[in-house]
Amino acid sequence: MAATYSTLDDLHQCLTREFGLVAEAPHGGSWRTYFLGNVEWHPSRSTRTLKILLDGAGRPWKIQLCVSSDNNNSVFLDAPFGHEVLKQAIDGEVRLLLRNSQR
C-alpha cells in the first residue's frame, strides 16, 4: 500500500527529503509554505510551490498548489495526502515553475 501522510511532521519529511522542497521558517499561522530550491518571495521570480493549510488541531487539511493558482483560481488537494498524488502534483508545479522562470 502506498504511503499516506496525515501529520504535518510526516508530510514535512516527505516534502523536504523526498521532493527536495524548502520550508519557509516556522511561524504561528495555520499554514506552512514550501518552495523550490530556495525561499524567494519576489513576484516575478517566486519559488513558492505549495502551501499546507492546517485545521484547528494543527493537522494538514488541504494543500494549495501555488504555481497553478492565482487570486481567482486556487487549486487544492484534499486530505488524505497519498504519495502518488503528491508526486504528480509536485512534479506538475515544478514544471510550471521552471517554465514560468524561463520566460
N, C-alpha and C. Protein backbone atom coordinates (compact mmCIF):
# COMPACT_ATOMS: atom_id res chain seq x y z
N MET A 1 0.84 -1.19 0.00
CA MET A 1 0.00 0.00 0.00
C MET A 1 0.89 1.25 0.00
N ALA A 2 0.53 2.24 -0.80
CA ALA A 2 1.31 3.46 -0.90
C ALA A 2 1.16 4.29 0.37
N ALA A 3 2.18 5.07 0.66
CA ALA A 3 2.19 5.90 1.86
C ALA A 3 1.13 6.99 1.78
N THR A 4 0.53 7.28 2.93
CA THR A 4 -0.39 8.41 3.09
C THR A 4 0.12 9.23 4.25
N TYR A 5 0.12 10.54 4.09
CA TYR A 5 0.67 11.44 5.10
C TYR A 5 -0.46 12.19 5.77
N SER A 6 -0.62 11.98 7.08
CA SER A 6 -1.72 12.60 7.80
C SER A 6 -1.27 13.59 8.87
N THR A 7 0.01 13.59 9.22
CA THR A 7 0.51 14.55 10.19
C THR A 7 1.41 15.56 9.48
N LEU A 8 1.50 16.74 10.06
CA LEU A 8 2.36 17.76 9.48
C LEU A 8 3.81 17.30 9.45
N ASP A 9 4.24 16.62 10.49
CA ASP A 9 5.63 16.15 10.54
C ASP A 9 5.92 15.15 9.42
N ASP A 10 5.03 14.17 9.23
CA ASP A 10 5.23 13.19 8.16
C ASP A 10 5.22 13.86 6.78
N LEU A 11 4.29 14.76 6.58
CA LEU A 11 4.18 15.46 5.31
C LEU A 11 5.42 16.33 5.07
N HIS A 12 5.87 17.02 6.11
CA HIS A 12 7.07 17.86 6.02
C HIS A 12 8.29 17.01 5.62
N GLN A 13 8.45 15.87 6.27
CA GLN A 13 9.60 15.00 5.95
C GLN A 13 9.55 14.56 4.49
N CYS A 14 8.39 14.19 4.00
CA CYS A 14 8.24 13.78 2.61
C CYS A 14 8.58 14.93 1.67
N LEU A 15 8.01 16.10 1.93
CA LEU A 15 8.21 17.24 1.03
C LEU A 15 9.66 17.70 0.99
N THR A 16 10.33 17.68 2.13
CA THR A 16 11.71 18.18 2.16
C THR A 16 12.73 17.12 1.77
N ARG A 17 12.56 15.91 2.24
CA ARG A 17 13.56 14.86 1.96
C ARG A 17 13.37 14.23 0.59
N GLU A 18 12.16 13.84 0.29
CA GLU A 18 11.95 13.14 -0.98
C GLU A 18 11.80 14.07 -2.17
N PHE A 19 11.05 15.15 -1.99
CA PHE A 19 10.78 16.04 -3.11
C PHE A 19 11.71 17.24 -3.15
N GLY A 20 12.55 17.41 -2.13
CA GLY A 20 13.57 18.46 -2.14
C GLY A 20 13.05 19.87 -2.01
N LEU A 21 11.83 20.04 -1.47
CA LEU A 21 11.31 21.38 -1.28
C LEU A 21 11.91 22.00 -0.03
N VAL A 22 11.90 23.32 0.02
CA VAL A 22 12.45 24.07 1.15
C VAL A 22 11.29 24.72 1.89
N ALA A 23 11.24 24.49 3.19
CA ALA A 23 10.15 25.03 4.01
C ALA A 23 10.46 26.46 4.44
N GLU A 24 9.43 27.28 4.41
CA GLU A 24 9.53 28.61 4.99
C GLU A 24 9.76 28.43 6.49
N ALA A 25 10.41 29.37 7.13
CA ALA A 25 10.65 29.28 8.57
C ALA A 25 9.32 29.11 9.31
N PRO A 26 9.27 28.23 10.33
CA PRO A 26 8.02 28.01 11.08
C PRO A 26 7.51 29.32 11.70
N HIS A 27 6.22 29.43 11.80
CA HIS A 27 5.58 30.60 12.38
C HIS A 27 4.29 30.14 13.06
N GLY A 28 3.57 31.03 13.68
CA GLY A 28 2.37 30.66 14.43
C GLY A 28 1.10 30.55 13.61
N GLY A 29 1.17 30.74 12.30
CA GLY A 29 -0.02 30.71 11.47
C GLY A 29 -0.54 29.30 11.23
N SER A 30 -1.67 29.23 10.54
CA SER A 30 -2.32 27.95 10.29
C SER A 30 -1.96 27.40 8.90
N TRP A 31 -0.75 27.65 8.47
CA TRP A 31 -0.28 27.14 7.19
C TRP A 31 1.24 27.03 7.22
N ARG A 32 1.76 26.27 6.27
CA ARG A 32 3.21 26.15 6.06
C ARG A 32 3.43 26.22 4.55
N THR A 33 4.41 27.01 4.14
CA THR A 33 4.67 27.21 2.72
C THR A 33 5.99 26.58 2.34
N TYR A 34 6.02 25.96 1.15
CA TYR A 34 7.20 25.25 0.65
C TYR A 34 7.61 25.81 -0.71
N PHE A 35 8.91 25.86 -0.91
CA PHE A 35 9.49 26.49 -2.09
C PHE A 35 10.41 25.51 -2.81
N LEU A 36 10.67 25.80 -4.07
CA LEU A 36 11.61 25.01 -4.86
C LEU A 36 12.98 25.66 -4.77
N GLY A 37 13.96 24.93 -4.27
CA GLY A 37 15.34 25.41 -4.24
C GLY A 37 15.67 26.35 -3.11
N ASN A 38 15.05 27.51 -3.09
CA ASN A 38 15.28 28.46 -2.01
C ASN A 38 14.01 29.29 -1.82
N VAL A 39 13.93 29.98 -0.70
CA VAL A 39 12.75 30.79 -0.40
C VAL A 39 12.90 32.12 -1.11
N GLU A 40 12.12 32.31 -2.16
CA GLU A 40 12.14 33.55 -2.94
C GLU A 40 10.71 34.02 -3.10
N TRP A 41 10.40 35.18 -2.49
CA TRP A 41 9.03 35.69 -2.50
C TRP A 41 8.78 36.72 -3.60
N HIS A 42 9.80 37.20 -4.28
CA HIS A 42 9.62 38.26 -5.27
C HIS A 42 8.62 37.82 -6.34
N PRO A 43 7.61 38.65 -6.65
CA PRO A 43 6.55 38.23 -7.58
C PRO A 43 7.04 37.71 -8.93
N SER A 44 8.06 38.31 -9.49
CA SER A 44 8.50 37.89 -10.82
C SER A 44 9.39 36.66 -10.82
N ARG A 45 9.87 36.26 -9.65
CA ARG A 45 10.75 35.09 -9.59
C ARG A 45 10.47 34.20 -8.37
N SER A 46 9.24 34.23 -7.91
CA SER A 46 8.86 33.43 -6.75
C SER A 46 9.12 31.94 -6.98
N THR A 47 9.59 31.27 -5.94
CA THR A 47 9.81 29.83 -5.99
C THR A 47 8.76 29.10 -5.15
N ARG A 48 7.72 29.82 -4.73
CA ARG A 48 6.66 29.22 -3.91
C ARG A 48 5.97 28.12 -4.71
N THR A 49 5.91 26.93 -4.13
CA THR A 49 5.40 25.76 -4.82
C THR A 49 4.08 25.27 -4.25
N LEU A 50 4.01 25.17 -2.92
CA LEU A 50 2.74 24.76 -2.31
C LEU A 50 2.63 25.27 -0.90
N LYS A 51 1.38 25.27 -0.44
CA LYS A 51 1.06 25.77 0.90
C LYS A 51 0.17 24.73 1.56
N ILE A 52 0.58 24.26 2.73
CA ILE A 52 -0.22 23.32 3.52
C ILE A 52 -1.11 24.14 4.44
N LEU A 53 -2.41 23.92 4.36
CA LEU A 53 -3.36 24.57 5.25
C LEU A 53 -3.69 23.59 6.37
N LEU A 54 -3.66 24.09 7.60
CA LEU A 54 -3.88 23.25 8.78
C LEU A 54 -5.27 23.47 9.37
N ASP A 55 -5.84 22.41 9.93
CA ASP A 55 -7.13 22.55 10.61
C ASP A 55 -6.91 23.11 12.01
N GLY A 56 -7.97 23.24 12.79
CA GLY A 56 -7.88 23.80 14.13
C GLY A 56 -7.01 23.02 15.08
N ALA A 57 -6.80 21.73 14.80
CA ALA A 57 -5.95 20.89 15.65
C ALA A 57 -4.51 20.83 15.14
N GLY A 58 -4.19 21.58 14.07
CA GLY A 58 -2.83 21.60 13.55
C GLY A 58 -2.51 20.46 12.59
N ARG A 59 -3.55 19.77 12.11
CA ARG A 59 -3.36 18.68 11.16
C ARG A 59 -3.49 19.21 9.73
N PRO A 60 -2.74 18.64 8.79
CA PRO A 60 -2.89 19.05 7.39
C PRO A 60 -4.32 18.81 6.91
N TRP A 61 -4.92 19.83 6.32
CA TRP A 61 -6.31 19.78 5.90
C TRP A 61 -6.43 19.85 4.37
N LYS A 62 -5.69 20.78 3.78
CA LYS A 62 -5.66 20.95 2.32
C LYS A 62 -4.26 21.37 1.93
N ILE A 63 -3.94 21.16 0.67
CA ILE A 63 -2.69 21.67 0.11
C ILE A 63 -3.06 22.54 -1.09
N GLN A 64 -2.60 23.79 -1.06
CA GLN A 64 -2.81 24.68 -2.18
C GLN A 64 -1.61 24.59 -3.11
N LEU A 65 -1.88 24.35 -4.37
CA LEU A 65 -0.82 24.33 -5.38
C LEU A 65 -0.61 25.76 -5.84
N CYS A 66 0.52 26.35 -5.44
CA CYS A 66 0.71 27.79 -5.59
C CYS A 66 0.99 28.23 -7.02
N VAL A 67 1.72 27.45 -7.80
CA VAL A 67 2.05 27.86 -9.16
C VAL A 67 0.81 27.77 -10.04
N SER A 68 -0.01 26.76 -9.81
CA SER A 68 -1.23 26.58 -10.61
C SER A 68 -2.33 27.56 -10.20
N SER A 69 -2.21 28.16 -9.04
CA SER A 69 -3.25 29.04 -8.52
C SER A 69 -2.93 30.49 -8.81
N ASP A 70 -3.98 31.27 -8.87
CA ASP A 70 -3.83 32.72 -8.83
C ASP A 70 -4.94 33.24 -7.92
N ASN A 71 -5.09 34.55 -7.83
CA ASN A 71 -6.07 35.10 -6.89
C ASN A 71 -7.50 34.66 -7.19
N ASN A 72 -7.80 34.30 -8.42
CA ASN A 72 -9.16 33.95 -8.79
C ASN A 72 -9.39 32.46 -8.96
N ASN A 73 -8.34 31.66 -8.85
CA ASN A 73 -8.48 30.24 -9.18
C ASN A 73 -7.51 29.41 -8.35
N SER A 74 -7.87 29.11 -7.12
CA SER A 74 -7.00 28.30 -6.28
C SER A 74 -7.20 26.82 -6.58
N VAL A 75 -6.10 26.11 -6.65
CA VAL A 75 -6.11 24.67 -6.90
C VAL A 75 -5.69 23.98 -5.61
N PHE A 76 -6.54 23.06 -5.11
CA PHE A 76 -6.29 22.40 -3.84
C PHE A 76 -6.26 20.89 -3.99
N LEU A 77 -5.46 20.26 -3.13
CA LEU A 77 -5.53 18.82 -2.90
C LEU A 77 -6.19 18.64 -1.55
N ASP A 78 -7.09 17.68 -1.45
CA ASP A 78 -7.76 17.40 -0.18
C ASP A 78 -7.12 16.19 0.50
N ALA A 79 -7.13 16.20 1.83
CA ALA A 79 -6.66 15.05 2.60
C ALA A 79 -7.57 13.87 2.32
N PRO A 80 -7.10 12.66 2.42
CA PRO A 80 -5.74 12.25 2.79
C PRO A 80 -4.77 12.46 1.63
N PHE A 81 -3.51 12.69 1.98
CA PHE A 81 -2.48 13.00 1.01
C PHE A 81 -1.65 11.76 0.72
N GLY A 82 -1.95 11.11 -0.38
CA GLY A 82 -1.23 9.91 -0.79
C GLY A 82 0.03 10.27 -1.55
N HIS A 83 1.01 9.40 -1.47
CA HIS A 83 2.32 9.64 -2.07
C HIS A 83 2.24 9.90 -3.57
N GLU A 84 1.52 9.07 -4.30
CA GLU A 84 1.47 9.22 -5.76
C GLU A 84 0.77 10.51 -6.18
N VAL A 85 -0.30 10.88 -5.48
CA VAL A 85 -1.00 12.13 -5.79
C VAL A 85 -0.08 13.31 -5.53
N LEU A 86 0.64 13.28 -4.40
CA LEU A 86 1.59 14.35 -4.09
C LEU A 86 2.67 14.43 -5.16
N LYS A 87 3.23 13.28 -5.53
CA LYS A 87 4.30 13.26 -6.53
C LYS A 87 3.84 13.88 -7.84
N GLN A 88 2.68 13.49 -8.32
CA GLN A 88 2.16 14.04 -9.57
C GLN A 88 1.92 15.55 -9.46
N ALA A 89 1.33 15.98 -8.35
CA ALA A 89 1.04 17.40 -8.17
C ALA A 89 2.32 18.22 -8.08
N ILE A 90 3.29 17.76 -7.30
CA ILE A 90 4.53 18.50 -7.14
C ILE A 90 5.32 18.51 -8.44
N ASP A 91 5.39 17.39 -9.14
CA ASP A 91 6.07 17.37 -10.44
C ASP A 91 5.44 18.39 -11.39
N GLY A 92 4.11 18.47 -11.39
CA GLY A 92 3.43 19.44 -12.24
C GLY A 92 3.72 20.87 -11.84
N GLU A 93 3.74 21.15 -10.55
CA GLU A 93 4.05 22.50 -10.07
C GLU A 93 5.48 22.89 -10.43
N VAL A 94 6.42 21.96 -10.27
CA VAL A 94 7.82 22.23 -10.60
C VAL A 94 7.95 22.53 -12.10
N ARG A 95 7.28 21.75 -12.95
CA ARG A 95 7.33 22.01 -14.39
C ARG A 95 6.80 23.40 -14.71
N LEU A 96 5.67 23.79 -14.11
CA LEU A 96 5.12 25.12 -14.33
C LEU A 96 6.06 26.21 -13.83
N LEU A 97 6.62 26.00 -12.67
CA LEU A 97 7.54 26.98 -12.09
C LEU A 97 8.76 27.18 -12.98
N LEU A 98 9.34 26.08 -13.46
CA LEU A 98 10.51 26.18 -14.32
C LEU A 98 10.16 26.83 -15.66
N ARG A 99 9.01 26.48 -16.20
CA ARG A 99 8.56 27.09 -17.47
C ARG A 99 8.35 28.59 -17.29
N ASN A 100 7.73 28.99 -16.18
CA ASN A 100 7.49 30.40 -15.91
C ASN A 100 8.79 31.18 -15.71
N SER A 101 9.80 30.52 -15.13
CA SER A 101 11.07 31.21 -14.87
C SER A 101 11.90 31.39 -16.13
N GLN A 102 11.58 30.67 -17.19
CA GLN A 102 12.34 30.77 -18.44
C GLN A 102 11.77 31.84 -19.37
N ARG A 103 10.68 32.45 -18.99
CA ARG A 103 10.07 33.50 -19.82
C ARG A 103 10.82 34.79 -19.74
